[in-house]
Amino acid sequence: MAVIVNLDVMLAKRKMKLSELANRTGLSLTNLSLIKTGKIKGIRFNTLNQFCDILDCQPGDLLEHIRDEPSMTKG
């Protein structure tokens, strides 16, 4: 199971830079970069809500679930 963060896609669609999102959310560029690259274990709903308000999107626009391929076993 993998959850893909599409923050970079939404930023590009809105023609917004990560630094502008940092200024508007109060989050550091370092933390936003970690979120954008998916190098996080979780995200607060409050942060997700801020992203959705600022980027005028839904949580599903920012997060995507990819199922693992079922393994083929000999039986």
PDB file of N, CA and C in Angstrom:
ATOM      1  N   MET A   1       0.845  -1.177   0.000  1.00  0.00           N
ATOM      2  CA  MET A   1       0.000   0.000   0.000  1.00  0.00           C
ATOM      3  C   MET A   1       0.886   1.234   0.000  1.00  0.00           C
ATOM      4  N   ALA A   2       0.538   2.171  -0.838  1.00  0.00           N
ATOM      5  CA  ALA A   2       1.286   3.423  -0.897  1.00  0.00           C
ATOM      6  C   ALA A   2       0.315   4.584  -1.014  1.00  0.00           C
ATOM      7  N   VAL A   3       0.612   5.619  -0.290  1.00  0.00           N
ATOM      8  CA  VAL A   3      -0.151   6.859  -0.415  1.00  0.00           C
ATOM      9  C   VAL A   3       0.775   7.868  -1.081  1.00  0.00           C
ATOM     10  N   ILE A   4       0.329   8.399  -2.196  1.00  0.00           N
ATOM     11  CA  ILE A   4       1.104   9.348  -2.974  1.00  0.00           C
ATOM     12  C   ILE A   4       0.593  10.758  -2.669  1.00  0.00           C
ATOM     13  N   VAL A   5       1.521  11.665  -2.404  1.00  0.00           N
ATOM     14  CA  VAL A   5       1.173  13.064  -2.138  1.00  0.00           C
ATOM     15  C   VAL A   5       1.329  13.838  -3.443  1.00  0.00           C
ATOM     16  N   ASN A   6       0.253  14.473  -3.887  1.00  0.00           N
ATOM     17  CA  ASN A   6       0.254  15.229  -5.139  1.00  0.00           C
ATOM     18  C   ASN A   6       0.263  16.741  -4.901  1.00  0.00           C
ATOM     19  N   LEU A   7       0.916  17.160  -3.822  1.00  0.00           N
ATOM     20  CA  LEU A   7       0.976  18.591  -3.510  1.00  0.00           C
ATOM     21  C   LEU A   7       1.667  19.362  -4.629  1.00  0.00           C
ATOM     22  N   ASP A   8       2.726  18.791  -5.194  1.00  0.00           N
ATOM     23  CA  ASP A   8       3.439  19.476  -6.276  1.00  0.00           C
ATOM     24  C   ASP A   8       2.547  19.680  -7.499  1.00  0.00           C
ATOM     25  N   VAL A   9       1.666  18.714  -7.767  1.00  0.00           N
ATOM     26  CA  VAL A   9       0.744  18.830  -8.900  1.00  0.00           C
ATOM     27  C   VAL A   9      -0.234  19.979  -8.676  1.00  0.00           C
ATOM     28  N   MET A  10      -0.795  20.055  -7.473  1.00  0.00           N
ATOM     29  CA  MET A  10      -1.757  21.120  -7.170  1.00  0.00           C
ATOM     30  C   MET A  10      -1.086  22.488  -7.169  1.00  0.00           C
ATOM     31  N   LEU A  11       0.141  22.556  -6.671  1.00  0.00           N
ATOM     32  CA  LEU A  11       0.865  23.827  -6.704  1.00  0.00           C
ATOM     33  C   LEU A  11       1.074  24.278  -8.151  1.00  0.00           C
ATOM     34  N   ALA A  12       1.435  23.350  -9.017  1.00  0.00           N
ATOM     35  CA  ALA A  12       1.645  23.691 -10.427  1.00  0.00           C
ATOM     36  C   ALA A  12       0.337  24.135 -11.078  1.00  0.00           C
ATOM     37  N   LYS A  13      -0.770  23.437 -10.789  1.00  0.00           N
ATOM     38  CA  LYS A  13      -2.060  23.817 -11.360  1.00  0.00           C
ATOM     39  C   LYS A  13      -2.486  25.214 -10.921  1.00  0.00           C
ATOM     40  N   ARG A  14      -2.128  25.572  -9.688  1.00  0.00           N
ATOM     41  CA  ARG A  14      -2.507  26.888  -9.152  1.00  0.00           C
ATOM     42  C   ARG A  14      -1.436  27.952  -9.399  1.00  0.00           C
ATOM     43  N   LYS A  15      -0.356  27.531 -10.077  1.00  0.00           N
ATOM     44  CA  LYS A  15       0.763  28.439 -10.371  1.00  0.00           C
ATOM     45  C   LYS A  15       1.271  29.107  -9.087  1.00  0.00           C
ATOM     46  N   MET A  16       1.476  28.284  -8.080  1.00  0.00           N
ATOM     47  CA  MET A  16       1.916  28.765  -6.777  1.00  0.00           C
ATOM     48  C   MET A  16       3.244  28.097  -6.428  1.00  0.00           C
ATOM     49  N   LYS A  17       4.122  28.851  -5.833  1.00  0.00           N
ATOM     50  CA  LYS A  17       5.417  28.320  -5.406  1.00  0.00           C
ATOM     51  C   LYS A  17       5.311  27.812  -3.974  1.00  0.00           C
ATOM     52  N   LEU A  18       6.189  26.896  -3.636  1.00  0.00           N
ATOM     53  CA  LEU A  18       6.207  26.331  -2.299  1.00  0.00           C
ATOM     54  C   LEU A  18       6.435  27.420  -1.251  1.00  0.00           C
ATOM     55  N   SER A  19       7.241  28.414  -1.586  1.00  0.00           N
ATOM     56  CA  SER A  19       7.508  29.506  -0.641  1.00  0.00           C
ATOM     57  C   SER A  19       6.238  30.305  -0.338  1.00  0.00           C
ATOM     58  N   GLU A  20       5.367  30.495  -1.328  1.00  0.00           N
ATOM     59  CA  GLU A  20       4.111  31.194  -1.086  1.00  0.00           C
ATOM     60  C   GLU A  20       3.210  30.378  -0.168  1.00  0.00           C
ATOM     61  N   LEU A  21       3.162  29.064  -0.393  1.00  0.00           N
ATOM     62  CA  LEU A  21       2.367  28.194   0.472  1.00  0.00           C
ATOM     63  C   LEU A  21       2.923  28.228   1.898  1.00  0.00           C
ATOM     64  N   ALA A  22       4.241  28.272   2.031  1.00  0.00           N
ATOM     65  CA  ALA A  22       4.870  28.371   3.352  1.00  0.00           C
ATOM     66  C   ALA A  22       4.443  29.651   4.054  1.00  0.00           C
ATOM     67  N   ASN A  23       4.461  30.760   3.328  1.00  0.00           N
ATOM     68  CA  ASN A  23       4.052  32.037   3.922  1.00  0.00           C
ATOM     69  C   ASN A  23       2.591  32.021   4.343  1.00  0.00           C
ATOM     70  N   ARG A  24       1.747  31.410   3.536  1.00  0.00           N
ATOM     71  CA  ARG A  24       0.305  31.418   3.815  1.00  0.00           C
ATOM     72  C   ARG A  24      -0.103  30.425   4.898  1.00  0.00           C
ATOM     73  N   THR A  25       0.677  29.352   5.077  1.00  0.00           N
ATOM     74  CA  THR A  25       0.334  28.354   6.088  1.00  0.00           C
ATOM     75  C   THR A  25       1.103  28.537   7.392  1.00  0.00           C
ATOM     76  N   GLY A  26       2.256  29.201   7.309  1.00  0.00           N
ATOM     77  CA  GLY A  26       3.102  29.323   8.493  1.00  0.00           C
ATOM     78  C   GLY A  26       4.003  28.112   8.699  1.00  0.00           C
ATOM     79  N   LEU A  27       3.984  27.176   7.764  1.00  0.00           N
ATOM     80  CA  LEU A  27       4.854  26.004   7.842  1.00  0.00           C
ATOM     81  C   LEU A  27       6.206  26.333   7.218  1.00  0.00           C
ATOM     82  N   SER A  28       7.246  25.655   7.686  1.00  0.00           N
ATOM     83  CA  SER A  28       8.577  25.902   7.138  1.00  0.00           C
ATOM     84  C   SER A  28       8.706  25.271   5.751  1.00  0.00           C
ATOM     85  N   LEU A  29       9.613  25.820   4.965  1.00  0.00           N
ATOM     86  CA  LEU A  29       9.885  25.239   3.648  1.00  0.00           C
ATOM     87  C   LEU A  29      10.381  23.799   3.774  1.00  0.00           C
ATOM     88  N   THR A  30      11.146  23.531   4.813  1.00  0.00           N
ATOM     89  CA  THR A  30      11.655  22.176   5.035  1.00  0.00           C
ATOM     90  C   THR A  30      10.507  21.199   5.241  1.00  0.00           C
ATOM     91  N   ASN A  31       9.557  21.561   6.115  1.00  0.00           N
ATOM     92  CA  ASN A  31       8.420  20.667   6.369  1.00  0.00           C
ATOM     93  C   ASN A  31       7.548  20.513   5.124  1.00  0.00           C
ATOM     94  N   LEU A  32       7.319  21.587   4.406  1.00  0.00           N
ATOM     95  CA  LEU A  32       6.522  21.499   3.182  1.00  0.00           C
ATOM     96  C   LEU A  32       7.217  20.647   2.135  1.00  0.00           C
ATOM     97  N   SER A  33       8.514  20.748   2.054  1.00  0.00           N
ATOM     98  CA  SER A  33       9.270  19.931   1.106  1.00  0.00           C
ATOM     99  C   SER A  33       9.148  18.450   1.451  1.00  0.00           C
ATOM    100  N   LEU A  34       9.205  18.128   2.738  1.00  0.00           N
ATOM    101  CA  LEU A  34       9.047  16.736   3.170  1.00  0.00           C
ATOM    102  C   LEU A  34       7.653  16.220   2.832  1.00  0.00           C
ATOM    103  N   ILE A  35       6.643  17.058   3.026  1.00  0.00           N
ATOM    104  CA  ILE A  35       5.275  16.667   2.682  1.00  0.00           C
ATOM    105  C   ILE A  35       5.165  16.454   1.174  1.00  0.00           C
ATOM    106  N   LYS A  36       5.683  17.411   0.415  1.00  0.00           N
ATOM    107  CA  LYS A  36       5.588  17.372  -1.049  1.00  0.00           C
ATOM    108  C   LYS A  36       6.231  16.123  -1.632  1.00  0.00           C
ATOM    109  N   THR A  37       7.335  15.689  -1.049  1.00  0.00           N
ATOM    110  CA  THR A  37       8.044  14.519  -1.570  1.00  0.00           C
ATOM    111  C   THR A  37       7.533  13.208  -0.974  1.00  0.00           C
ATOM    112  N   GLY A  38       6.574  13.296  -0.058  1.00  0.00           N
ATOM    113  CA  GLY A  38       6.003  12.093   0.527  1.00  0.00           C
ATOM    114  C   GLY A  38       6.863  11.458   1.592  1.00  0.00           C
ATOM    115  N   LYS A  39       7.838  12.179   2.111  1.00  0.00           N
ATOM    116  CA  LYS A  39       8.742  11.638   3.124  1.00  0.00           C
ATOM    117  C   LYS A  39       8.208  11.908   4.529  1.00  0.00           C
ATOM    118  N   ILE A  40       6.914  11.678   4.706  1.00  0.00           N
ATOM    119  CA  ILE A  40       6.268  11.891   5.999  1.00  0.00           C
ATOM    120  C   ILE A  40       5.493  10.628   6.364  1.00  0.00           C
ATOM    121  N   LYS A  41       5.219  10.472   7.625  1.00  0.00           N
ATOM    122  CA  LYS A  41       4.436   9.321   8.081  1.00  0.00           C
ATOM    123  C   LYS A  41       2.986   9.698   8.296  1.00  0.00           C
ATOM    124  N   GLY A  42       2.690  10.978   8.366  1.00  0.00           N
ATOM    125  CA  GLY A  42       1.323  11.427   8.593  1.00  0.00           C
ATOM    126  C   GLY A  42       1.207  12.918   8.380  1.00  0.00           C
ATOM    127  N   ILE A  43      -0.030  13.386   8.342  1.00  0.00           N
ATOM    128  CA  ILE A  43      -0.294  14.806   8.183  1.00  0.00           C
ATOM    129  C   ILE A  43      -1.506  15.148   9.046  1.00  0.00           C
ATOM    130  N   ARG A  44      -1.438  16.258   9.712  1.00  0.00           N
ATOM    131  CA  ARG A  44      -2.563  16.682  10.544  1.00  0.00           C
ATOM    132  C   ARG A  44      -3.720  17.133   9.654  1.00  0.00           C
ATOM    133  N   PHE A  45      -4.926  16.830  10.109  1.00  0.00           N
ATOM    134  CA  PHE A  45      -6.105  17.273   9.365  1.00  0.00           C
ATOM    135  C   PHE A  45      -6.132  18.794   9.265  1.00  0.00           C
ATOM    136  N   ASN A  46      -5.647  19.482  10.279  1.00  0.00           N
ATOM    137  CA  ASN A  46      -5.604  20.941  10.251  1.00  0.00           C
ATOM    138  C   ASN A  46      -4.723  21.428   9.094  1.00  0.00           C
ATOM    139  N   THR A  47      -3.594  20.777   8.893  1.00  0.00           N
ATOM    140  CA  THR A  47      -2.688  21.136   7.790  1.00  0.00           C
ATOM    141  C   THR A  47      -3.336  20.816   6.451  1.00  0.00           C
ATOM    142  N   LEU A  48      -3.948  19.647   6.354  1.00  0.00           N
ATOM    143  CA  LEU A  48      -4.639  19.258   5.127  1.00  0.00           C
ATOM    144  C   LEU A  48      -5.766  20.243   4.808  1.00  0.00           C
ATOM    145  N   ASN A  49      -6.487  20.671   5.836  1.00  0.00           N
ATOM    146  CA  ASN A  49      -7.549  21.653   5.668  1.00  0.00           C
ATOM    147  C   ASN A  49      -6.996  22.978   5.140  1.00  0.00           C
ATOM    148  N   GLN A  50      -5.869  23.422   5.676  1.00  0.00           N
ATOM    149  CA  GLN A  50      -5.231  24.656   5.186  1.00  0.00           C
ATOM    150  C   GLN A  50      -4.872  24.529   3.713  1.00  0.00           C
ATOM    151  N   PHE A  51      -4.263  23.408   3.337  1.00  0.00           N
ATOM    152  CA  PHE A  51      -3.890  23.192   1.941  1.00  0.00           C
ATOM    153  C   PHE A  51      -5.119  23.278   1.038  1.00  0.00           C
ATOM    154  N   CYS A  52      -6.198  22.620   1.458  1.00  0.00           N
ATOM    155  CA  CYS A  52      -7.414  22.605   0.643  1.00  0.00           C
ATOM    156  C   CYS A  52      -8.016  24.005   0.515  1.00  0.00           C
ATOM    157  N   ASP A  53      -8.007  24.768   1.607  1.00  0.00           N
ATOM    158  CA  ASP A  53      -8.530  26.139   1.559  1.00  0.00           C
ATOM    159  C   ASP A  53      -7.691  27.009   0.627  1.00  0.00           C
ATOM    160  N   ILE A  54      -6.391  26.942   0.783  1.00  0.00           N
ATOM    161  CA  ILE A  54      -5.488  27.802   0.009  1.00  0.00           C
ATOM    162  C   ILE A  54      -5.463  27.404  -1.466  1.00  0.00           C
ATOM    163  N   LEU A  55      -5.431  26.103  -1.735  1.00  0.00           N
ATOM    164  CA  LEU A  55      -5.319  25.616  -3.110  1.00  0.00           C
ATOM    165  C   LEU A  55      -6.677  25.374  -3.767  1.00  0.00           C
ATOM    166  N   ASP A  56      -7.751  25.627  -3.032  1.00  0.00           N
ATOM    167  CA  ASP A  56      -9.122  25.445  -3.536  1.00  0.00           C
ATOM    168  C   ASP A  56      -9.279  24.056  -4.149  1.00  0.00           C
ATOM    169  N   CYS A  57      -9.043  23.039  -3.311  1.00  0.00           N
ATOM    170  CA  CYS A  57      -9.127  21.658  -3.779  1.00  0.00           C
ATOM    171  C   CYS A  57      -9.712  20.776  -2.689  1.00  0.00           C
ATOM    172  N   GLN A  58      -9.839  19.505  -2.984  1.00  0.00           N
ATOM    173  CA  GLN A  58     -10.324  18.501  -2.048  1.00  0.00           C
ATOM    174  C   GLN A  58      -9.141  17.642  -1.589  1.00  0.00           C
ATOM    175  N   PRO A  59      -9.250  16.986  -0.406  1.00  0.00           N
ATOM    176  CA  PRO A  59      -8.158  16.122   0.053  1.00  0.00           C
ATOM    177  C   PRO A  59      -7.764  15.067  -0.983  1.00  0.00           C
ATOM    178  N   GLY A  60      -8.731  14.561  -1.733  1.00  0.00           N
ATOM    179  CA  GLY A  60      -8.444  13.563  -2.766  1.00  0.00           C
ATOM    180  C   GLY A  60      -7.612  14.103  -3.917  1.00  0.00           C
ATOM    181  N   ASP A  61      -7.578  15.427  -4.061  1.00  0.00           N
ATOM    182  CA  ASP A  61      -6.720  16.033  -5.079  1.00  0.00           C
ATOM    183  C   ASP A  61      -5.259  16.021  -4.625  1.00  0.00           C
ATOM    184  N   LEU A  62      -5.047  15.944  -3.319  1.00  0.00           N
ATOM    185  CA  LEU A  62      -3.697  15.997  -2.761  1.00  0.00           C
ATOM    186  C   LEU A  62      -3.131  14.624  -2.416  1.00  0.00           C
ATOM    187  N   LEU A  63      -4.024  13.679  -2.105  1.00  0.00           N
ATOM    188  CA  LEU A  63      -3.588  12.353  -1.681  1.00  0.00           C
ATOM    189  C   LEU A  63      -4.183  11.285  -2.588  1.00  0.00           C
ATOM    190  N   GLU A  64      -3.369  10.297  -2.921  1.00  0.00           N
ATOM    191  CA  GLU A  64      -3.801   9.215  -3.803  1.00  0.00           C
ATOM    192  C   GLU A  64      -3.320   7.888  -3.223  1.00  0.00           C
ATOM    193  N   HIS A  65      -4.183   6.902  -3.222  1.00  0.00           N
ATOM    194  CA  HIS A  65      -3.826   5.577  -2.712  1.00  0.00           C
ATOM    195  C   HIS A  65      -3.550   4.627  -3.875  1.00  0.00           C
ATOM    196  N   ILE A  66      -2.407   3.969  -3.824  1.00  0.00           N
ATOM    197  CA  ILE A  66      -2.024   2.977  -4.833  1.00  0.00           C
ATOM    198  C   ILE A  66      -1.927   1.624  -4.121  1.00  0.00           C
ATOM    199  N   ARG A  67      -2.681   0.667  -4.612  1.00  0.00           N
ATOM    200  CA  ARG A  67      -2.640  -0.674  -4.028  1.00  0.00           C
ATOM    201  C   ARG A  67      -1.367  -1.401  -4.452  1.00  0.00           C
ATOM    202  N   ASP A  68      -0.883  -2.249  -3.547  1.00  0.00           N
ATOM    203  CA  ASP A  68       0.242  -3.116  -3.886  1.00  0.00           C
ATOM    204  C   ASP A  68      -0.242  -4.174  -4.861  1.00  0.00           C
ATOM    205  N   GLU A  69       0.632  -4.583  -5.748  1.00  0.00           N
ATOM    206  CA  GLU A  69       0.330  -5.672  -6.662  1.00  0.00           C
ATOM    207  C   GLU A  69       0.252  -6.961  -5.862  1.00  0.00           C
ATOM    208  N   PRO A  70      -0.780  -7.782  -6.083  1.00  0.00           N
ATOM    209  CA  PRO A  70      -0.811  -9.067  -5.378  1.00  0.00           C
ATOM    210  C   PRO A  70       0.342  -9.944  -5.861  1.00  0.00           C
ATOM    211  N   SER A  71       0.994 -10.580  -4.932  1.00  0.00           N
ATOM    212  CA  SER A  71       2.145 -11.413  -5.319  1.00  0.00           C
ATOM    213  C   SER A  71       1.637 -12.731  -5.905  1.00  0.00           C
ATOM    214  N   MET A  72       2.349 -13.184  -6.911  1.00  0.00           N
ATOM    215  CA  MET A  72       2.012 -14.453  -7.575  1.00  0.00           C
ATOM    216  C   MET A  72       2.803 -15.549  -6.851  1.00  0.00           C
ATOM    217  N   THR A  73       2.100 -16.450  -6.205  1.00  0.00           N
ATOM    218  CA  THR A  73       2.787 -17.551  -5.520  1.00  0.00           C
ATOM    219  C   THR A  73       2.407 -18.871  -6.171  1.00  0.00           C
ATOM    220  N   LYS A  74       3.363 -19.741  -6.188  1.00  0.00           N
ATOM    221  CA  LYS A  74       3.098 -21.077  -6.748  1.00  0.00           C
ATOM    222  C   LYS A  74       2.397 -21.889  -5.669  1.00  0.00           C
ATOM    223  N   GLY A  75       1.361 -22.583  -6.051  1.00  0.00           N
ATOM    224  CA  GLY A  75       0.629 -23.313  -5.043  1.00  0.00           C
ATOM    225  C   GLY A  75       0.211 -24.600  -5.457  1.00  0.00           C
TER     226      GLY A  75
END
